[in-house]
Amino acid sequence: MAETAFAKTFVSTLDSRPVKLSADHVEDPKNFPARPPYILPRMPTAMSKPTKLAPGQERSVTVTLKSLRNPPLDIKLTSQPLNTSLLDIKTKVSSQTRIPVDKMKILHNKRPLADSKVLKEILGEKETTVEFSVMVIGGAAAIPPVASATPAVAEPTGATALETDAFWSDLKSFLMQRLNDQAAAEELSGLFRSSWQSNNSGP
């Protein structure tokens, strides 16, 4: 009976109190439980402070461009600013090799890069050299001939171009660059050529 009377008294005491705290309720900070301060853990490696370089002291990059295909290329461009775009690099290569800019594709780690990319987006924080691969669409045939006094012989076009060995050689080079597999490139180029010849031979 004593427990029942206590329970009734406790419940009636709770009923007399408001269900919600009043708008002017203030809790005494002295009643708050003591809590230790929260300290963030230390980072495994200290953050490096950004270094500000004076104008003219910015890191320069040496760019090497190579192509083992037709035409073979091995070009080195020194002291290139980090903000140099790949379109600028293509233009410099074109001035040395006469290869049209729109016929070149620059690859890094076998991946083609957009002309809008700059060296800063490709290199690491401390790298000073980078090597690109160059793919020339059309091979050596894409290089315009040197202007001369004698009239140039027109390159075969259309069905006439398909009858030349140069066309099939360029096709095989293109397939080798895209597939990175010499055996598969030779097989496909041979299949294309035999199919074209059988189609033109007629019934």
Protein backbone atom coordinates (compact mmCIF):
# COMPACT_ATOMS: atom_id res chain seq x y z
CA MET A 1 0.00 0.00 0.00
CA ALA A 2 2.88 2.35 0.73
CA GLU A 3 4.23 1.89 -2.81
CA THR A 4 0.80 2.61 -4.29
CA ALA A 5 0.41 5.78 -2.23
CA PHE A 6 3.87 6.94 -3.30
CA ALA A 7 3.10 6.30 -6.95
CA LYS A 8 -0.15 8.26 -6.74
CA THR A 9 1.58 11.15 -5.01
CA PHE A 10 4.36 11.18 -7.68
CA VAL A 11 1.90 11.08 -10.56
CA SER A 12 -0.19 13.88 -9.08
CA THR A 13 3.00 15.94 -8.68
CA LEU A 14 3.85 15.44 -12.35
CA ASP A 15 0.33 16.39 -13.41
CA SER A 16 0.63 19.69 -11.61
CA ARG A 17 3.69 20.67 -13.66
CA PRO A 18 3.39 22.10 -17.18
CA VAL A 19 3.84 19.66 -20.05
CA LYS A 20 6.00 22.14 -21.99
CA LEU A 21 8.63 24.51 -20.74
CA SER A 22 7.56 28.11 -20.55
CA ALA A 23 9.03 30.66 -22.95
CA ASP A 24 10.94 32.38 -20.14
CA HIS A 25 12.43 29.13 -18.76
CA VAL A 26 16.11 29.44 -17.88
CA GLU A 27 18.26 26.50 -16.85
CA ASP A 28 20.95 27.09 -14.27
CA PRO A 29 24.33 26.40 -15.93
CA LYS A 30 25.63 25.13 -12.61
CA ASN A 31 23.33 22.14 -12.95
CA PHE A 32 24.86 21.09 -16.28
CA PRO A 33 27.02 17.96 -16.08
CA ALA A 34 30.74 18.58 -16.51
CA ARG A 35 32.07 17.57 -19.92
CA PRO A 36 35.69 17.34 -21.04
CA PRO A 37 36.66 19.53 -24.02
CA TYR A 38 36.59 17.83 -27.43
CA ILE A 39 39.96 17.97 -29.18
CA LEU A 40 40.33 17.02 -32.82
CA PRO A 41 42.91 14.27 -33.51
CA ARG A 42 46.16 15.27 -35.12
CA MET A 43 46.56 14.83 -38.88
CA PRO A 44 48.93 12.03 -39.94
CA THR A 45 50.86 14.44 -42.13
CA ALA A 46 51.23 18.15 -41.59
CA MET A 47 49.66 20.41 -44.19
CA SER A 48 52.15 22.17 -46.37
CA LYS A 49 51.98 25.92 -46.45
CA PRO A 50 51.19 27.41 -49.85
CA THR A 51 54.19 29.04 -51.38
CA LYS A 52 53.83 32.24 -53.32
CA LEU A 53 56.28 32.68 -56.13
CA ALA A 54 57.25 36.01 -57.48
CA PRO A 55 56.50 36.75 -61.14
CA GLY A 56 59.07 35.05 -63.33
CA GLN A 57 59.79 32.34 -60.75
CA GLU A 58 56.92 30.05 -61.65
CA ARG A 59 57.70 26.42 -62.36
CA SER A 60 58.40 25.68 -66.01
CA VAL A 61 57.86 22.34 -67.70
CA THR A 62 59.79 20.40 -70.34
CA VAL A 63 57.38 18.75 -72.77
CA THR A 64 58.47 15.77 -74.86
CA LEU A 65 56.31 14.59 -77.75
CA LYS A 66 56.96 11.25 -79.40
CA SER A 67 55.39 9.13 -82.09
CA LEU A 68 56.75 5.79 -83.23
CA ARG A 69 54.22 5.62 -86.05
CA ASN A 70 54.30 7.24 -89.45
CA PRO A 71 55.61 9.95 -89.38
CA PRO A 72 58.05 9.37 -86.48
CA LEU A 73 58.34 12.33 -84.09
CA ASP A 74 60.66 13.17 -81.20
CA ILE A 75 60.24 16.81 -80.21
CA LYS A 76 61.25 18.51 -76.96
CA LEU A 77 59.77 21.84 -75.89
CA THR A 78 61.59 23.41 -72.96
CA SER A 79 60.54 26.10 -70.47
CA GLN A 80 56.80 25.81 -71.03
CA PRO A 81 54.59 27.71 -68.52
CA LEU A 82 52.05 25.72 -66.51
CA ASN A 83 49.21 27.60 -68.20
CA THR A 84 50.25 26.38 -71.65
CA SER A 85 47.31 24.66 -73.33
CA LEU A 86 47.57 21.57 -75.49
CA LEU A 87 46.37 23.66 -78.42
CA ASP A 88 49.44 25.88 -77.97
CA ILE A 89 51.64 22.78 -77.92
CA LYS A 90 50.00 21.50 -81.10
CA THR A 91 50.67 24.84 -82.75
CA LYS A 92 54.36 24.70 -81.83
CA VAL A 93 54.65 21.14 -83.13
CA SER A 94 52.90 22.16 -86.34
CA SER A 95 55.40 25.00 -86.87
CA GLN A 96 58.26 22.49 -86.70
CA THR A 97 56.75 19.59 -88.64
CA ARG A 98 54.11 21.22 -90.89
CA ILE A 99 51.55 18.72 -89.56
CA PRO A 100 48.12 20.43 -89.47
CA VAL A 101 46.84 21.10 -85.98
CA ASP A 102 43.48 19.44 -86.69
CA LYS A 103 45.28 16.23 -87.76
CA MET A 104 47.08 15.79 -84.42
CA LYS A 105 45.84 14.12 -81.28
CA ILE A 106 47.84 14.27 -78.05
CA LEU A 107 47.65 11.31 -75.68
CA HIS A 108 48.84 10.97 -72.09
CA ASN A 109 49.00 7.46 -70.63
CA LYS A 110 47.22 6.24 -73.79
CA ARG A 111 44.27 8.59 -73.20
CA PRO A 112 43.44 11.41 -75.61
CA LEU A 113 43.40 14.92 -74.15
CA ALA A 114 41.23 17.88 -75.10
CA ASP A 115 42.84 20.96 -76.61
CA SER A 116 41.50 23.09 -73.74
CA LYS A 117 43.56 21.19 -71.14
CA VAL A 118 46.54 23.04 -69.66
CA LEU A 119 49.73 21.51 -68.28
CA LYS A 120 48.78 22.46 -64.71
CA GLU A 121 45.78 20.10 -64.90
CA ILE A 122 47.89 17.16 -66.06
CA LEU A 123 51.06 17.39 -63.97
CA GLY A 124 51.57 16.75 -60.27
CA GLU A 125 52.60 19.45 -57.83
CA LYS A 126 56.35 18.91 -58.27
CA GLU A 127 56.68 17.42 -61.77
CA THR A 128 58.79 19.39 -64.21
CA THR A 129 58.71 17.03 -67.19
CA VAL A 130 55.92 15.35 -69.10
CA GLU A 131 55.87 13.05 -72.11
CA PHE A 132 53.01 12.94 -74.59
CA SER A 133 52.26 10.60 -77.45
CA VAL A 134 51.23 12.13 -80.75
CA MET A 135 48.81 10.44 -83.13
CA VAL A 136 48.70 11.88 -86.64
CA ILE A 137 45.41 11.17 -88.40
CA GLY A 138 46.27 10.03 -91.89
CA GLY A 139 49.95 9.44 -91.13
CA ALA A 140 52.60 11.06 -93.27
CA ALA A 141 50.01 11.73 -95.97
CA ALA A 142 48.50 14.40 -93.69
CA ILE A 143 51.61 16.59 -94.05
CA PRO A 144 51.11 19.07 -96.90
CA PRO A 145 53.88 19.08 -99.52
CA VAL A 146 56.40 21.89 -99.60
CA ALA A 147 55.36 24.60 -102.02
CA SER A 148 57.52 24.57 -105.14
CA ALA A 149 57.61 26.12 -108.55
CA THR A 150 56.61 22.86 -110.21
CA PRO A 151 52.96 21.91 -109.98
CA ALA A 152 52.31 19.27 -107.35
CA VAL A 153 50.87 15.95 -108.33
CA ALA A 154 47.33 15.62 -107.03
CA GLU A 155 46.82 12.92 -104.44
CA PRO A 156 44.40 10.18 -105.51
CA THR A 157 40.95 10.49 -103.98
CA GLY A 158 37.79 8.45 -103.80
CA ALA A 159 37.90 4.95 -105.26
CA THR A 160 41.29 5.71 -106.83
CA ALA A 161 42.84 6.14 -103.37
CA LEU A 162 41.60 2.69 -102.37
CA GLU A 163 43.72 1.15 -105.09
CA THR A 164 46.98 2.51 -103.64
CA ASP A 165 49.15 0.72 -101.12
CA ALA A 166 49.63 3.99 -99.21
CA PHE A 167 45.95 4.08 -98.23
CA TRP A 168 45.99 0.58 -96.75
CA SER A 169 49.29 1.29 -95.01
CA ASP A 170 47.80 4.40 -93.40
CA LEU A 171 44.71 2.41 -92.41
CA LYS A 172 46.84 -0.24 -90.74
CA SER A 173 48.82 2.46 -88.87
CA PHE A 174 45.58 4.05 -87.68
CA LEU A 175 44.24 0.71 -86.43
CA MET A 176 47.52 -0.01 -84.62
CA GLN A 177 47.30 3.33 -82.81
CA ARG A 178 43.70 2.79 -81.76
CA LEU A 179 43.92 -0.91 -80.86
CA ASN A 180 47.54 -0.98 -79.66
CA ASP A 181 47.74 -4.50 -81.13
CA GLN A 182 49.77 -5.07 -84.28
CA ALA A 183 48.34 -8.52 -85.03
CA ALA A 184 44.74 -7.33 -84.75
CA ALA A 185 45.48 -4.24 -86.87
CA GLU A 186 47.04 -6.32 -89.65
CA GLU A 187 44.14 -8.79 -89.56
CA LEU A 188 41.49 -6.06 -89.76
CA SER A 189 43.25 -4.07 -92.49
CA GLY A 190 43.67 -7.27 -94.53
CA LEU A 191 40.01 -8.13 -94.01
CA PHE A 192 38.89 -4.66 -95.13
CA ARG A 193 41.08 -4.79 -98.22
CA SER A 194 40.01 -8.30 -99.27
CA SER A 195 36.34 -7.40 -98.74
CA TRP A 196 36.71 -4.27 -100.86
CA GLN A 197 38.52 -6.16 -103.62
CA SER A 198 35.93 -8.96 -103.67
CA ASN A 199 33.12 -6.41 -103.79
CA ASN A 200 34.69 -4.62 -106.77
CA SER A 201 35.52 -7.82 -108.64
CA GLY A 202 31.83 -8.40 -109.30
CA PRO A 203 30.04 -11.73 -109.71
